[in-house]
């Protein structure tokens, strides 16, 4: 039977790491030696730096499966990736090291899975409540098609998770993604309806943001409880 997947040469992938090692060290990033699995089908490398809030561990398998592990004391988050070539392994490592300078692991509560940014936005996304930020992350078109066929999946009141908090990556992934610091909210209005609820936020920089979700989601009450002590009379609800 003809093999349908291209296997990545692990010795060449290790060479990509070695090519970058001197630059990483010059940038203040400590890089481990490359430990091999016994079958030499997988390699892994560990990165640390004094200015990072996380440590980074990257695994790559010859099948193209890769894992980025971001860790901090008591917390760990894994992101799964696929790479198709030795060059893609090098690009993945460059991206992961660049992200590690700016990310932190944040406890987050998923408060809505049906969040949109207005009546003309038909693609649902997730709305996350972080200690100091409100974050909206857009879903994909395939997920929207599934919702149209079988109905939405709603957040539960106890949907806690640790997130790799990376504001730059979140914002750049799509124009409807939102990272909204609580300290920059000047006024907010939470409203509820029979089928749809939402919040309108006015920010210190003059921008306004609208977020909507299905009223069956727990977001309305959770946002009221979080924002009322911060905003007082500047919150209409």
C-alpha atoms as a PDB file:
ATOM      1  CA  UNK A   1       0.000   0.000   0.000  1.00  0.00           C
ATOM      2  CA  UNK A   2       1.341   3.436  -0.891  1.00  0.00           C
ATOM      3  CA  UNK A   3       2.059   5.654   2.112  1.00  0.00           C
ATOM      4  CA  UNK A   4      -0.094   8.776   1.995  1.00  0.00           C
ATOM      5  CA  UNK A   5       1.687  10.909   4.600  1.00  0.00           C
ATOM      6  CA  UNK A   6       5.103  12.418   4.177  1.00  0.00           C
ATOM      7  CA  UNK A   7       7.340  11.630   7.125  1.00  0.00           C
ATOM      8  CA  UNK A   8       9.611  14.331   8.480  1.00  0.00           C
ATOM      9  CA  UNK A   9      13.302  13.496   8.767  1.00  0.00           C
ATOM     10  CA  UNK A  10      14.032  13.993  12.443  1.00  0.00           C
ATOM     11  CA  UNK A  11      17.779  14.435  11.923  1.00  0.00           C
ATOM     12  CA  UNK A  12      17.059  17.391   9.630  1.00  0.00           C
ATOM     13  CA  UNK A  13      14.536  18.772  12.106  1.00  0.00           C
ATOM     14  CA  UNK A  14      17.217  18.611  14.812  1.00  0.00           C
ATOM     15  CA  UNK A  15      19.552  20.470  12.458  1.00  0.00           C
ATOM     16  CA  UNK A  16      16.950  23.257  12.199  1.00  0.00           C
ATOM     17  CA  UNK A  17      17.110  23.598  15.975  1.00  0.00           C
ATOM     18  CA  UNK A  18      20.885  23.751  15.974  1.00  0.00           C
ATOM     19  CA  UNK A  19      20.864  26.439  13.244  1.00  0.00           C
ATOM     20  CA  UNK A  20      18.741  28.636  15.498  1.00  0.00           C
ATOM     21  CA  UNK A  21      20.416  27.861  18.826  1.00  0.00           C
ATOM     22  CA  UNK A  22      23.027  30.659  18.706  1.00  0.00           C
ATOM     23  CA  UNK A  23      20.401  33.300  17.919  1.00  0.00           C
ATOM     24  CA  UNK A  24      18.119  32.094  20.704  1.00  0.00           C
ATOM     25  CA  UNK A  25      21.012  32.191  23.173  1.00  0.00           C
ATOM     26  CA  UNK A  26      21.949  35.697  22.011  1.00  0.00           C
ATOM     27  CA  UNK A  27      18.336  36.745  22.686  1.00  0.00           C
ATOM     28  CA  UNK A  28      18.538  35.427  26.254  1.00  0.00           C
ATOM     29  CA  UNK A  29      16.658  32.182  25.639  1.00  0.00           C
ATOM     30  CA  UNK A  30      18.092  29.038  27.205  1.00  0.00           C
ATOM     31  CA  UNK A  31      17.710  25.973  24.966  1.00  0.00           C
ATOM     32  CA  UNK A  32      18.065  22.373  26.100  1.00  0.00           C
ATOM     33  CA  UNK A  33      19.948  19.674  24.217  1.00  0.00           C
ATOM     34  CA  UNK A  34      17.644  17.713  21.915  1.00  0.00           C
ATOM     35  CA  UNK A  35      16.598  14.439  23.595  1.00  0.00           C
ATOM     36  CA  UNK A  36      15.553  11.700  21.199  1.00  0.00           C
ATOM     37  CA  UNK A  37      12.966   9.006  21.714  1.00  0.00           C
ATOM     38  CA  UNK A  38      14.427   5.503  21.598  1.00  0.00           C
ATOM     39  CA  UNK A  39      12.990   4.894  18.117  1.00  0.00           C
ATOM     40  CA  UNK A  40      14.313   8.277  16.901  1.00  0.00           C
ATOM     41  CA  UNK A  41      10.873   9.152  15.564  1.00  0.00           C
ATOM     42  CA  UNK A  42      10.297  12.035  17.980  1.00  0.00           C
ATOM     43  CA  UNK A  43      12.362  14.878  19.375  1.00  0.00           C
ATOM     44  CA  UNK A  44      11.733  17.467  22.057  1.00  0.00           C
ATOM     45  CA  UNK A  45      13.319  20.701  23.191  1.00  0.00           C
ATOM     46  CA  UNK A  46      12.853  22.884  26.268  1.00  0.00           C
ATOM     47  CA  UNK A  47      13.091  26.708  26.323  1.00  0.00           C
ATOM     48  CA  UNK A  48      13.324  29.155  29.236  1.00  0.00           C
ATOM     49  CA  UNK A  49      14.146  32.847  29.571  1.00  0.00           C
ATOM     50  CA  UNK A  50      14.421  35.248  32.492  1.00  0.00           C
ATOM     51  CA  UNK A  51      11.757  37.563  31.060  1.00  0.00           C
ATOM     52  CA  UNK A  52       9.147  34.868  30.443  1.00  0.00           C
ATOM     53  CA  UNK A  53       6.087  34.172  32.589  1.00  0.00           C
ATOM     54  CA  UNK A  54       6.070  30.602  31.205  1.00  0.00           C
ATOM     55  CA  UNK A  55       8.390  27.801  30.217  1.00  0.00           C
ATOM     56  CA  UNK A  56       8.068  26.251  26.767  1.00  0.00           C
ATOM     57  CA  UNK A  57       8.436  22.595  25.815  1.00  0.00           C
ATOM     58  CA  UNK A  58       8.057  21.568  22.153  1.00  0.00           C
ATOM     59  CA  UNK A  59       7.627  18.001  20.886  1.00  0.00           C
ATOM     60  CA  UNK A  60       7.722  17.005  17.211  1.00  0.00           C
ATOM     61  CA  UNK A  61       6.959  13.549  15.797  1.00  0.00           C
ATOM     62  CA  UNK A  62       8.065  12.358  12.382  1.00  0.00           C
ATOM     63  CA  UNK A  63       4.388  11.964  11.408  1.00  0.00           C
ATOM     64  CA  UNK A  64       3.991  15.736  11.574  1.00  0.00           C
ATOM     65  CA  UNK A  65       2.206  15.838  14.927  1.00  0.00           C
ATOM     66  CA  UNK A  66       3.599  18.535  17.193  1.00  0.00           C
ATOM     67  CA  UNK A  67       2.799  19.834  20.655  1.00  0.00           C
ATOM     68  CA  UNK A  68       3.511  23.170  22.299  1.00  0.00           C
ATOM     69  CA  UNK A  69       3.490  22.929  26.098  1.00  0.00           C
ATOM     70  CA  UNK A  70       3.351  26.197  28.046  1.00  0.00           C
ATOM     71  CA  UNK A  71       3.907  25.769  31.781  1.00  0.00           C
ATOM     72  CA  UNK A  72       4.099  27.924  34.881  1.00  0.00           C
ATOM     73  CA  UNK A  73       4.018  26.864  38.546  1.00  0.00           C
ATOM     74  CA  UNK A  74       0.924  24.734  39.019  1.00  0.00           C
ATOM     75  CA  UNK A  75      -0.388  25.266  35.476  1.00  0.00           C
ATOM     76  CA  UNK A  76       0.162  23.675  32.058  1.00  0.00           C
ATOM     77  CA  UNK A  77      -1.513  24.097  28.683  1.00  0.00           C
ATOM     78  CA  UNK A  78      -0.856  22.093  25.517  1.00  0.00           C
ATOM     79  CA  UNK A  79      -1.557  23.244  21.958  1.00  0.00           C
ATOM     80  CA  UNK A  80      -1.581  20.624  19.186  1.00  0.00           C
ATOM     81  CA  UNK A  81      -0.190  21.479  15.755  1.00  0.00           C
ATOM     82  CA  UNK A  82       0.619  19.767  12.481  1.00  0.00           C
ATOM     83  CA  UNK A  83       3.769  20.428  10.462  1.00  0.00           C
ATOM     84  CA  UNK A  84       4.379  19.164   6.947  1.00  0.00           C
ATOM     85  CA  UNK A  85       8.095  19.723   6.429  1.00  0.00           C
ATOM     86  CA  UNK A  86      11.427  20.339   8.111  1.00  0.00           C
ATOM     87  CA  UNK A  87      11.064  24.021   7.249  1.00  0.00           C
ATOM     88  CA  UNK A  88       7.680  24.072   8.957  1.00  0.00           C
ATOM     89  CA  UNK A  89       9.294  22.663  12.113  1.00  0.00           C
ATOM     90  CA  UNK A  90      11.716  25.596  12.151  1.00  0.00           C
ATOM     91  CA  UNK A  91       8.888  28.081  11.583  1.00  0.00           C
ATOM     92  CA  UNK A  92       6.855  26.517  14.405  1.00  0.00           C
ATOM     93  CA  UNK A  93       9.787  26.840  16.804  1.00  0.00           C
ATOM     94  CA  UNK A  94      10.359  30.481  15.830  1.00  0.00           C
ATOM     95  CA  UNK A  95       6.671  31.254  16.362  1.00  0.00           C
ATOM     96  CA  UNK A  96       6.535  29.451  19.719  1.00  0.00           C
ATOM     97  CA  UNK A  97       9.646  31.182  21.090  1.00  0.00           C
ATOM     98  CA  UNK A  98       8.377  34.597  19.939  1.00  0.00           C
ATOM     99  CA  UNK A  99       5.010  33.961  21.643  1.00  0.00           C
ATOM    100  CA  UNK A 100       6.629  32.801  24.877  1.00  0.00           C
ATOM    101  CA  UNK A 101       7.980  36.317  25.451  1.00  0.00           C
ATOM    102  CA  UNK A 102       4.475  37.753  25.719  1.00  0.00           C
ATOM    103  CA  UNK A 103       2.156  34.995  26.970  1.00  0.00           C
ATOM    104  CA  UNK A 104       0.961  34.116  30.439  1.00  0.00           C
ATOM    105  CA  UNK A 105      -1.283  31.344  31.728  1.00  0.00           C
ATOM    106  CA  UNK A 106      -4.541  32.807  32.995  1.00  0.00           C
ATOM    107  CA  UNK A 107      -7.453  31.183  34.823  1.00  0.00           C
ATOM    108  CA  UNK A 108     -10.532  31.754  32.682  1.00  0.00           C
ATOM    109  CA  UNK A 109     -14.249  31.078  32.850  1.00  0.00           C
ATOM    110  CA  UNK A 110     -16.144  30.317  29.651  1.00  0.00           C
ATOM    111  CA  UNK A 111     -19.371  32.330  29.952  1.00  0.00           C
ATOM    112  CA  UNK A 112     -20.808  31.999  26.425  1.00  0.00           C
ATOM    113  CA  UNK A 113     -20.248  29.832  23.348  1.00  0.00           C
ATOM    114  CA  UNK A 114     -22.712  31.759  21.150  1.00  0.00           C
ATOM    115  CA  UNK A 115     -21.061  35.180  21.328  1.00  0.00           C
ATOM    116  CA  UNK A 116     -21.175  37.453  18.269  1.00  0.00           C
ATOM    117  CA  UNK A 117     -20.106  41.071  17.788  1.00  0.00           C
ATOM    118  CA  UNK A 118     -23.423  42.361  16.437  1.00  0.00           C
ATOM    119  CA  UNK A 119     -26.560  41.479  14.543  1.00  0.00           C
ATOM    120  CA  UNK A 120     -24.663  41.153  11.239  1.00  0.00           C
ATOM    121  CA  UNK A 121     -22.092  38.752  12.684  1.00  0.00           C
ATOM    122  CA  UNK A 122     -23.342  35.201  12.140  1.00  0.00           C
ATOM    123  CA  UNK A 123     -20.248  33.331  13.332  1.00  0.00           C
ATOM    124  CA  UNK A 124     -20.460  32.346  16.973  1.00  0.00           C
ATOM    125  CA  UNK A 125     -17.438  32.606  19.239  1.00  0.00           C
ATOM    126  CA  UNK A 126     -16.437  31.964  22.826  1.00  0.00           C
ATOM    127  CA  UNK A 127     -16.627  34.656  25.483  1.00  0.00           C
ATOM    128  CA  UNK A 128     -14.093  34.228  28.297  1.00  0.00           C
ATOM    129  CA  UNK A 129     -14.009  35.998  31.654  1.00  0.00           C
ATOM    130  CA  UNK A 130     -10.406  36.436  32.848  1.00  0.00           C
ATOM    131  CA  UNK A 131      -9.283  38.094  36.096  1.00  0.00           C
ATOM    132  CA  UNK A 132      -8.671  41.456  34.401  1.00  0.00           C
ATOM    133  CA  UNK A 133     -10.010  41.093  30.855  1.00  0.00           C
ATOM    134  CA  UNK A 134     -13.003  40.064  28.801  1.00  0.00           C
ATOM    135  CA  UNK A 135     -11.923  38.023  25.765  1.00  0.00           C
ATOM    136  CA  UNK A 136     -13.995  37.061  22.723  1.00  0.00           C
ATOM    137  CA  UNK A 137     -12.531  34.434  20.350  1.00  0.00           C
ATOM    138  CA  UNK A 138     -14.291  33.780  17.056  1.00  0.00           C
ATOM    139  CA  UNK A 139     -15.261  30.252  16.095  1.00  0.00           C
ATOM    140  CA  UNK A 140     -14.954  28.842  12.594  1.00  0.00           C
ATOM    141  CA  UNK A 141     -17.347  28.483   9.682  1.00  0.00           C
ATOM    142  CA  UNK A 142     -17.569  24.652  10.033  1.00  0.00           C
ATOM    143  CA  UNK A 143     -18.640  25.079  13.662  1.00  0.00           C
ATOM    144  CA  UNK A 144     -21.290  27.591  12.557  1.00  0.00           C
ATOM    145  CA  UNK A 145     -22.611  25.054  10.047  1.00  0.00           C
ATOM    146  CA  UNK A 146     -22.891  22.425  12.774  1.00  0.00           C
ATOM    147  CA  UNK A 147     -24.801  24.890  14.950  1.00  0.00           C
ATOM    148  CA  UNK A 148     -27.195  25.472  12.067  1.00  0.00           C
ATOM    149  CA  UNK A 149     -27.832  21.724  11.803  1.00  0.00           C
ATOM    150  CA  UNK A 150     -27.969  20.532  15.419  1.00  0.00           C
ATOM    151  CA  UNK A 151     -28.268  23.724  17.465  1.00  0.00           C
ATOM    152  CA  UNK A 152     -25.752  25.548  19.672  1.00  0.00           C
ATOM    153  CA  UNK A 153     -23.674  24.126  22.486  1.00  0.00           C
ATOM    154  CA  UNK A 154     -23.992  26.422  25.499  1.00  0.00           C
ATOM    155  CA  UNK A 155     -21.479  27.238  28.211  1.00  0.00           C
ATOM    156  CA  UNK A 156     -22.064  25.732  31.630  1.00  0.00           C
ATOM    157  CA  UNK A 157     -21.831  27.843  34.805  1.00  0.00           C
ATOM    158  CA  UNK A 158     -18.661  26.014  35.922  1.00  0.00           C
ATOM    159  CA  UNK A 159     -16.662  26.020  32.648  1.00  0.00           C
ATOM    160  CA  UNK A 160     -13.212  26.876  34.016  1.00  0.00           C
ATOM    161  CA  UNK A 161      -9.989  26.470  32.053  1.00  0.00           C
ATOM    162  CA  UNK A 162      -6.425  27.736  31.960  1.00  0.00           C
ATOM    163  CA  UNK A 163      -5.792  29.798  28.821  1.00  0.00           C
ATOM    164  CA  UNK A 164      -2.568  30.737  27.082  1.00  0.00           C
ATOM    165  CA  UNK A 165      -3.244  34.464  27.276  1.00  0.00           C
ATOM    166  CA  UNK A 166      -1.645  36.106  24.244  1.00  0.00           C
ATOM    167  CA  UNK A 167      -3.444  39.367  23.389  1.00  0.00           C
ATOM    168  CA  UNK A 168      -1.508  40.048  20.188  1.00  0.00           C
ATOM    169  CA  UNK A 169      -2.230  36.619  18.738  1.00  0.00           C
ATOM    170  CA  UNK A 170      -5.907  36.768  19.748  1.00  0.00           C
ATOM    171  CA  UNK A 171      -6.436  40.170  18.131  1.00  0.00           C
ATOM    172  CA  UNK A 172      -4.531  39.344  14.951  1.00  0.00           C
ATOM    173  CA  UNK A 173      -6.334  36.027  14.390  1.00  0.00           C
ATOM    174  CA  UNK A 174      -9.541  37.808  13.286  1.00  0.00           C
ATOM    175  CA  UNK A 175     -10.912  41.347  13.298  1.00  0.00           C
ATOM    176  CA  UNK A 176     -13.906  40.307  15.437  1.00  0.00           C
ATOM    177  CA  UNK A 177     -11.768  38.928  18.244  1.00  0.00           C
ATOM    178  CA  UNK A 178     -11.746  41.122  21.342  1.00  0.00           C
ATOM    179  CA  UNK A 179      -9.384  41.666  24.278  1.00  0.00           C
ATOM    180  CA  UNK A 180     -11.053  44.193  26.586  1.00  0.00           C
ATOM    181  CA  UNK A 181      -9.272  45.252  29.814  1.00  0.00           C
ATOM    182  CA  UNK A 182     -11.641  45.994  32.684  1.00  0.00           C
ATOM    183  CA  UNK A 183      -9.516  48.982  33.736  1.00  0.00           C
ATOM    184  CA  UNK A 184     -10.221  50.692  30.394  1.00  0.00           C
ATOM    185  CA  UNK A 185     -14.023  50.383  30.540  1.00  0.00           C
ATOM    186  CA  UNK A 186     -15.634  53.787  31.150  1.00  0.00           C
ATOM    187  CA  UNK A 187     -19.277  52.726  30.842  1.00  0.00           C
ATOM    188  CA  UNK A 188     -21.110  49.452  30.252  1.00  0.00           C
ATOM    189  CA  UNK A 189     -24.706  48.410  29.631  1.00  0.00           C
ATOM    190  CA  UNK A 190     -25.872  44.832  30.086  1.00  0.00           C
ATOM    191  CA  UNK A 191     -29.235  43.986  28.556  1.00  0.00           C
ATOM    192  CA  UNK A 192     -31.333  40.867  28.394  1.00  0.00           C
ATOM    193  CA  UNK A 193     -34.072  39.652  26.087  1.00  0.00           C
ATOM    194  CA  UNK A 194     -36.198  36.612  25.520  1.00  0.00           C
ATOM    195  CA  UNK A 195     -33.721  35.023  23.084  1.00  0.00           C
ATOM    196  CA  UNK A 196     -30.687  37.328  22.983  1.00  0.00           C
ATOM    197  CA  UNK A 197     -28.726  39.192  25.646  1.00  0.00           C
ATOM    198  CA  UNK A 198     -25.630  41.329  25.387  1.00  0.00           C
ATOM    199  CA  UNK A 199     -23.306  44.005  26.637  1.00  0.00           C
ATOM    200  CA  UNK A 200     -22.175  47.319  25.166  1.00  0.00           C
ATOM    201  CA  UNK A 201     -18.848  48.664  26.392  1.00  0.00           C
ATOM    202  CA  UNK A 202     -17.422  52.181  26.052  1.00  0.00           C
ATOM    203  CA  UNK A 203     -13.647  52.253  26.422  1.00  0.00           C
ATOM    204  CA  UNK A 204     -11.186  54.918  27.545  1.00  0.00           C
ATOM    205  CA  UNK A 205      -9.781  55.222  24.011  1.00  0.00           C
ATOM    206  CA  UNK A 206     -13.201  56.192  22.646  1.00  0.00           C
ATOM    207  CA  UNK A 207     -14.055  52.842  21.049  1.00  0.00           C
ATOM    208  CA  UNK A 208     -17.344  51.020  21.634  1.00  0.00           C
ATOM    209  CA  UNK A 209     -17.844  47.260  21.563  1.00  0.00           C
ATOM    210  CA  UNK A 210     -21.042  45.234  21.341  1.00  0.00           C
ATOM    211  CA  UNK A 211     -21.210  41.575  22.287  1.00  0.00           C
ATOM    212  CA  UNK A 212     -24.337  39.420  21.957  1.00  0.00           C
ATOM    213  CA  UNK A 213     -25.134  35.868  23.067  1.00  0.00           C
ATOM    214  CA  UNK A 214     -28.119  33.575  23.487  1.00  0.00           C
ATOM    215  CA  UNK A 215     -30.037  34.372  26.674  1.00  0.00           C
ATOM    216  CA  UNK A 216     -29.751  30.770  27.885  1.00  0.00           C
ATOM    217  CA  UNK A 217     -26.002  31.340  28.381  1.00  0.00           C
ATOM    218  CA  UNK A 218     -24.755  32.242  31.911  1.00  0.00           C
ATOM    219  CA  UNK A 219     -22.865  35.348  30.678  1.00  0.00           C
ATOM    220  CA  UNK A 220     -25.329  38.041  31.731  1.00  0.00           C
ATOM    221  CA  UNK A 221     -25.373  37.289  35.446  1.00  0.00           C
ATOM    222  CA  UNK A 222     -21.673  36.519  35.626  1.00  0.00           C
ATOM    223  CA  UNK A 223     -20.725  39.781  33.914  1.00  0.00           C
ATOM    224  CA  UNK A 224     -23.043  41.776  36.164  1.00  0.00           C
ATOM    225  CA  UNK A 225     -21.475  40.226  39.262  1.00  0.00           C
ATOM    226  CA  UNK A 226     -17.944  40.902  37.981  1.00  0.00           C
ATOM    227  CA  UNK A 227     -18.421  44.433  36.656  1.00  0.00           C
ATOM    228  CA  UNK A 228     -20.727  45.960  39.263  1.00  0.00           C
ATOM    229  CA  UNK A 229     -18.016  46.219  41.976  1.00  0.00           C
ATOM    230  CA  UNK A 230     -15.624  47.722  39.405  1.00  0.00           C
ATOM    231  CA  UNK A 231     -17.921  50.188  37.656  1.00  0.00           C
ATOM    232  CA  UNK A 232     -20.636  50.975  40.185  1.00  0.00           C
ATOM    233  CA  UNK A 233     -23.075  53.519  38.673  1.00  0.00           C
ATOM    234  CA  UNK A 234     -21.192  53.365  35.350  1.00  0.00           C
ATOM    235  CA  UNK A 235     -22.783  49.953  34.786  1.00  0.00           C
ATOM    236  CA  UNK A 236     -26.385  49.917  33.570  1.00  0.00           C
ATOM    237  CA  UNK A 237     -28.098  46.573  34.049  1.00  0.00           C
END
